N, C-alpha and C. Protein backbone atom coordinates (compact mmCIF):
# COMPACT_ATOMS: atom_id res chain seq x y z
N UNK A 1 -15.86 -9.99 -27.62
CA UNK A 1 -14.89 -10.98 -27.22
C UNK A 1 -15.25 -11.44 -25.80
N UNK A 2 -15.25 -12.73 -25.58
CA UNK A 2 -15.59 -13.25 -24.25
C UNK A 2 -14.48 -12.95 -23.25
N UNK A 3 -14.82 -13.06 -21.97
CA UNK A 3 -13.84 -12.81 -20.91
C UNK A 3 -12.67 -13.79 -21.01
N UNK A 4 -12.94 -15.03 -21.37
CA UNK A 4 -11.86 -16.02 -21.50
C UNK A 4 -10.95 -15.65 -22.66
N UNK A 5 -11.52 -15.25 -23.78
CA UNK A 5 -10.69 -14.85 -24.92
C UNK A 5 -9.85 -13.63 -24.60
N UNK A 6 -10.43 -12.68 -23.88
CA UNK A 6 -9.66 -11.48 -23.49
C UNK A 6 -8.51 -11.86 -22.57
N UNK A 7 -8.76 -12.77 -21.64
CA UNK A 7 -7.73 -13.18 -20.69
C UNK A 7 -6.59 -13.92 -21.38
N UNK A 8 -6.91 -14.65 -22.44
CA UNK A 8 -5.90 -15.44 -23.14
C UNK A 8 -5.25 -14.70 -24.31
N UNK A 9 -5.78 -13.55 -24.65
CA UNK A 9 -5.24 -12.81 -25.79
C UNK A 9 -3.86 -12.26 -25.45
N UNK A 10 -2.98 -12.18 -26.43
CA UNK A 10 -1.66 -11.58 -26.18
C UNK A 10 -1.81 -10.11 -25.82
N UNK A 11 -0.87 -9.57 -25.02
CA UNK A 11 -0.97 -8.16 -24.65
C UNK A 11 -0.85 -7.27 -25.88
N UNK A 12 -1.46 -6.13 -25.80
CA UNK A 12 -1.34 -5.15 -26.89
C UNK A 12 0.13 -4.81 -27.06
N UNK A 13 0.52 -4.47 -28.26
CA UNK A 13 1.93 -4.24 -28.57
C UNK A 13 2.55 -3.19 -27.65
N UNK A 14 1.83 -2.17 -27.30
CA UNK A 14 2.40 -1.10 -26.50
C UNK A 14 1.93 -1.13 -25.05
N UNK A 15 1.38 -2.24 -24.60
CA UNK A 15 0.85 -2.31 -23.25
C UNK A 15 1.90 -1.98 -22.19
N UNK A 16 3.14 -2.40 -22.40
CA UNK A 16 4.19 -2.17 -21.42
C UNK A 16 5.11 -1.02 -21.82
N UNK A 17 4.75 -0.28 -22.85
CA UNK A 17 5.56 0.86 -23.28
C UNK A 17 5.30 2.04 -22.36
N UNK A 18 6.30 2.87 -22.20
CA UNK A 18 6.14 4.06 -21.39
C UNK A 18 6.90 3.93 -20.08
N UNK A 19 7.01 5.04 -19.42
CA UNK A 19 7.81 5.09 -18.20
C UNK A 19 7.09 4.41 -17.05
N UNK A 20 7.56 3.27 -16.67
CA UNK A 20 7.05 2.55 -15.51
C UNK A 20 8.25 2.01 -14.75
N UNK A 21 8.01 1.72 -13.50
CA UNK A 21 9.06 1.13 -12.67
C UNK A 21 8.81 -0.37 -12.58
N UNK A 22 9.83 -1.15 -12.93
CA UNK A 22 9.71 -2.60 -12.91
C UNK A 22 10.85 -3.20 -12.10
N UNK A 23 10.51 -4.04 -11.14
CA UNK A 23 11.50 -4.78 -10.36
C UNK A 23 11.60 -6.17 -10.95
N UNK A 24 12.83 -6.61 -11.22
CA UNK A 24 13.05 -7.94 -11.78
C UNK A 24 13.93 -8.72 -10.82
N UNK A 25 13.41 -9.83 -10.29
CA UNK A 25 14.24 -10.73 -9.51
C UNK A 25 14.88 -11.72 -10.47
N UNK A 26 16.09 -12.15 -10.17
CA UNK A 26 16.81 -13.02 -11.09
C UNK A 26 17.30 -12.25 -12.31
N UNK A 27 17.52 -10.97 -12.16
CA UNK A 27 17.86 -10.09 -13.28
C UNK A 27 19.25 -10.32 -13.85
N UNK A 28 20.12 -10.99 -13.10
CA UNK A 28 21.47 -11.26 -13.60
C UNK A 28 21.56 -12.60 -14.31
N UNK A 29 20.45 -13.26 -14.47
CA UNK A 29 20.41 -14.50 -15.23
C UNK A 29 20.25 -14.21 -16.72
N UNK A 30 20.30 -15.24 -17.51
CA UNK A 30 20.21 -15.07 -18.97
C UNK A 30 18.89 -14.41 -19.37
N UNK A 31 17.78 -14.94 -18.91
CA UNK A 31 16.47 -14.39 -19.26
C UNK A 31 16.29 -13.01 -18.63
N UNK A 32 16.64 -12.87 -17.36
CA UNK A 32 16.49 -11.60 -16.66
C UNK A 32 17.27 -10.47 -17.32
N UNK A 33 18.47 -10.77 -17.78
CA UNK A 33 19.28 -9.75 -18.46
C UNK A 33 18.64 -9.29 -19.76
N UNK A 34 18.12 -10.23 -20.52
CA UNK A 34 17.46 -9.87 -21.79
C UNK A 34 16.16 -9.11 -21.54
N UNK A 35 15.41 -9.53 -20.52
CA UNK A 35 14.18 -8.82 -20.19
C UNK A 35 14.49 -7.39 -19.74
N UNK A 36 15.53 -7.23 -18.96
CA UNK A 36 15.94 -5.89 -18.52
C UNK A 36 16.25 -5.01 -19.72
N UNK A 37 17.01 -5.53 -20.68
CA UNK A 37 17.30 -4.77 -21.91
C UNK A 37 16.02 -4.34 -22.61
N UNK A 38 15.08 -5.25 -22.74
CA UNK A 38 13.83 -4.96 -23.47
C UNK A 38 13.00 -3.92 -22.75
N UNK A 39 12.88 -4.04 -21.43
CA UNK A 39 12.10 -3.07 -20.68
C UNK A 39 12.74 -1.68 -20.72
N UNK A 40 14.06 -1.63 -20.68
CA UNK A 40 14.74 -0.34 -20.82
C UNK A 40 14.41 0.29 -22.17
N UNK A 41 14.41 -0.53 -23.22
CA UNK A 41 14.09 -0.02 -24.56
C UNK A 41 12.66 0.50 -24.63
N UNK A 42 11.77 -0.05 -23.79
CA UNK A 42 10.38 0.41 -23.75
C UNK A 42 10.19 1.61 -22.84
N UNK A 43 11.26 2.06 -22.19
CA UNK A 43 11.18 3.25 -21.37
C UNK A 43 11.00 3.00 -19.88
N UNK A 44 11.13 1.77 -19.44
CA UNK A 44 10.97 1.45 -18.03
C UNK A 44 12.21 1.83 -17.23
N UNK A 45 11.99 2.17 -15.98
CA UNK A 45 13.06 2.26 -15.01
C UNK A 45 13.07 0.89 -14.33
N UNK A 46 14.24 0.25 -14.30
CA UNK A 46 14.32 -1.12 -13.81
C UNK A 46 15.20 -1.20 -12.57
N UNK A 47 14.72 -1.95 -11.58
CA UNK A 47 15.53 -2.34 -10.44
C UNK A 47 15.84 -3.82 -10.61
N UNK A 48 17.11 -4.13 -10.76
CA UNK A 48 17.55 -5.50 -10.94
C UNK A 48 17.96 -6.08 -9.59
N UNK A 49 17.39 -7.23 -9.24
CA UNK A 49 17.70 -7.90 -7.98
C UNK A 49 18.19 -9.31 -8.29
N UNK A 50 19.32 -9.69 -7.68
CA UNK A 50 19.85 -11.03 -7.88
C UNK A 50 20.84 -11.32 -6.76
N UNK A 51 20.99 -12.59 -6.41
CA UNK A 51 21.98 -12.95 -5.40
C UNK A 51 23.32 -13.34 -6.00
N UNK A 52 23.41 -13.41 -7.32
CA UNK A 52 24.63 -13.71 -8.07
C UNK A 52 25.19 -15.10 -7.78
N UNK A 53 24.35 -16.02 -7.32
CA UNK A 53 24.83 -17.39 -7.12
C UNK A 53 25.03 -18.06 -8.48
N UNK A 54 24.05 -17.92 -9.37
CA UNK A 54 24.21 -18.46 -10.72
C UNK A 54 24.19 -17.37 -11.77
N UNK A 55 23.67 -16.20 -11.44
CA UNK A 55 23.64 -15.08 -12.38
C UNK A 55 24.98 -14.38 -12.45
N UNK A 56 25.13 -13.53 -13.44
CA UNK A 56 26.36 -12.77 -13.63
C UNK A 56 26.03 -11.29 -13.67
N UNK A 57 26.80 -10.52 -12.97
CA UNK A 57 26.58 -9.07 -12.91
C UNK A 57 26.61 -8.45 -14.30
N UNK A 58 27.44 -8.99 -15.19
CA UNK A 58 27.55 -8.43 -16.54
C UNK A 58 26.30 -8.65 -17.39
N UNK A 59 25.37 -9.51 -16.96
CA UNK A 59 24.09 -9.66 -17.67
C UNK A 59 23.16 -8.47 -17.42
N UNK A 60 23.43 -7.70 -16.37
CA UNK A 60 22.62 -6.53 -16.06
C UNK A 60 23.21 -5.34 -16.82
N UNK A 61 22.42 -4.68 -17.66
CA UNK A 61 22.93 -3.57 -18.45
C UNK A 61 23.51 -2.44 -17.59
N UNK A 62 24.52 -1.75 -18.09
CA UNK A 62 25.10 -0.63 -17.35
C UNK A 62 24.03 0.44 -17.07
N UNK A 63 24.14 1.05 -15.92
CA UNK A 63 23.23 2.13 -15.56
C UNK A 63 21.95 1.68 -14.88
N UNK A 64 21.70 0.39 -14.83
CA UNK A 64 20.51 -0.13 -14.16
C UNK A 64 20.82 -0.26 -12.67
N UNK A 65 19.90 0.20 -11.84
CA UNK A 65 20.08 0.04 -10.39
C UNK A 65 20.09 -1.45 -10.07
N UNK A 66 21.11 -1.89 -9.34
CA UNK A 66 21.28 -3.30 -9.02
C UNK A 66 21.40 -3.49 -7.52
N UNK A 67 20.66 -4.45 -6.99
CA UNK A 67 20.73 -4.80 -5.57
C UNK A 67 21.07 -6.28 -5.47
N UNK A 68 22.18 -6.59 -4.80
CA UNK A 68 22.53 -7.98 -4.58
C UNK A 68 21.83 -8.44 -3.31
N UNK A 69 20.77 -9.19 -3.49
CA UNK A 69 19.93 -9.65 -2.39
C UNK A 69 19.61 -11.12 -2.61
N UNK A 70 19.72 -11.90 -1.55
CA UNK A 70 19.28 -13.29 -1.58
C UNK A 70 17.88 -13.32 -0.99
N UNK A 71 16.88 -13.44 -1.83
CA UNK A 71 15.49 -13.39 -1.37
C UNK A 71 15.14 -14.53 -0.41
N UNK A 72 15.88 -15.61 -0.50
CA UNK A 72 15.59 -16.75 0.35
C UNK A 72 16.18 -16.66 1.74
N UNK A 73 17.21 -15.83 1.93
CA UNK A 73 17.83 -15.79 3.25
C UNK A 73 18.02 -14.38 3.81
N UNK A 74 17.65 -13.36 3.08
CA UNK A 74 17.76 -12.00 3.57
C UNK A 74 16.68 -11.72 4.60
N UNK A 75 16.94 -10.76 5.45
CA UNK A 75 15.93 -10.35 6.41
C UNK A 75 14.74 -9.75 5.66
N UNK A 76 13.55 -10.11 6.04
CA UNK A 76 12.35 -9.64 5.37
C UNK A 76 12.29 -8.12 5.32
N UNK A 77 12.68 -7.46 6.40
CA UNK A 77 12.63 -5.99 6.46
C UNK A 77 13.55 -5.36 5.41
N UNK A 78 14.71 -6.00 5.16
CA UNK A 78 15.64 -5.47 4.17
C UNK A 78 15.04 -5.53 2.77
N UNK A 79 14.38 -6.64 2.46
CA UNK A 79 13.74 -6.79 1.15
C UNK A 79 12.60 -5.79 1.00
N UNK A 80 11.78 -5.66 2.03
CA UNK A 80 10.65 -4.72 1.99
C UNK A 80 11.15 -3.30 1.81
N UNK A 81 12.24 -2.94 2.47
CA UNK A 81 12.80 -1.59 2.35
C UNK A 81 13.22 -1.28 0.92
N UNK A 82 13.85 -2.25 0.25
CA UNK A 82 14.26 -2.06 -1.14
C UNK A 82 13.04 -1.88 -2.03
N UNK A 83 12.02 -2.71 -1.85
CA UNK A 83 10.82 -2.64 -2.68
C UNK A 83 10.08 -1.33 -2.43
N UNK A 84 9.90 -0.96 -1.18
CA UNK A 84 9.21 0.30 -0.88
C UNK A 84 9.97 1.51 -1.40
N UNK A 85 11.29 1.45 -1.33
CA UNK A 85 12.10 2.56 -1.81
C UNK A 85 12.00 2.76 -3.32
N UNK A 86 11.83 1.66 -4.04
CA UNK A 86 11.74 1.74 -5.50
C UNK A 86 10.31 1.98 -5.99
N UNK A 87 9.35 1.45 -5.27
CA UNK A 87 7.92 1.57 -5.60
C UNK A 87 7.60 1.09 -7.02
N UNK A 88 7.81 -0.19 -7.31
CA UNK A 88 7.56 -0.68 -8.66
C UNK A 88 6.08 -0.76 -9.01
N UNK A 89 5.79 -0.52 -10.28
CA UNK A 89 4.44 -0.74 -10.81
C UNK A 89 4.28 -2.22 -11.18
N UNK A 90 5.39 -2.85 -11.56
CA UNK A 90 5.38 -4.25 -11.96
C UNK A 90 6.51 -4.98 -11.23
N UNK A 91 6.29 -6.26 -10.94
CA UNK A 91 7.33 -7.13 -10.40
C UNK A 91 7.36 -8.37 -11.28
N UNK A 92 8.54 -8.69 -11.80
CA UNK A 92 8.72 -9.89 -12.60
C UNK A 92 9.66 -10.79 -11.80
N UNK A 93 9.14 -11.94 -11.36
CA UNK A 93 9.89 -12.83 -10.48
C UNK A 93 10.49 -13.96 -11.31
N UNK A 94 11.79 -13.85 -11.58
CA UNK A 94 12.51 -14.87 -12.33
C UNK A 94 13.52 -15.61 -11.47
N UNK A 95 13.72 -15.19 -10.23
CA UNK A 95 14.68 -15.83 -9.35
C UNK A 95 14.20 -17.23 -8.99
N UNK A 96 15.11 -18.18 -9.08
CA UNK A 96 14.75 -19.56 -8.75
C UNK A 96 16.02 -20.38 -8.54
N UNK A 97 15.88 -21.40 -7.76
CA UNK A 97 16.95 -22.38 -7.61
C UNK A 97 16.68 -23.44 -8.65
N UNK A 98 17.58 -23.56 -9.62
CA UNK A 98 17.31 -24.51 -10.70
C UNK A 98 17.92 -25.87 -10.43
N UNK A 99 18.66 -26.00 -9.34
CA UNK A 99 19.23 -27.30 -8.98
C UNK A 99 19.05 -27.51 -7.49
N UNK A 100 18.36 -28.55 -7.14
CA UNK A 100 18.16 -28.88 -5.74
C UNK A 100 18.92 -30.17 -5.48
N UNK A 101 19.95 -30.10 -4.63
CA UNK A 101 20.79 -31.31 -4.40
C UNK A 101 20.04 -32.41 -3.69
């Protein structure tokens, strides 16, 4: 298989299975909440990060560590401290402003 084909191939079914730490930004949004559920089912420990401007706390499954952080206006040191404390193997960035006035 060529390098391009390998790069474009879908991940192996169990590639993300097993105990890993995953940080999800935008985790209280619709997609983030569903992704959190799926990663938990695969055995991941998840840190959910959201500013709750458009997301809802109830989208984050019970028992998941949740940090209410605004990545756009929080002090950089505060964000770094949370990330270093959790030590994620993966970061999934779903946080976004979907409406710009």
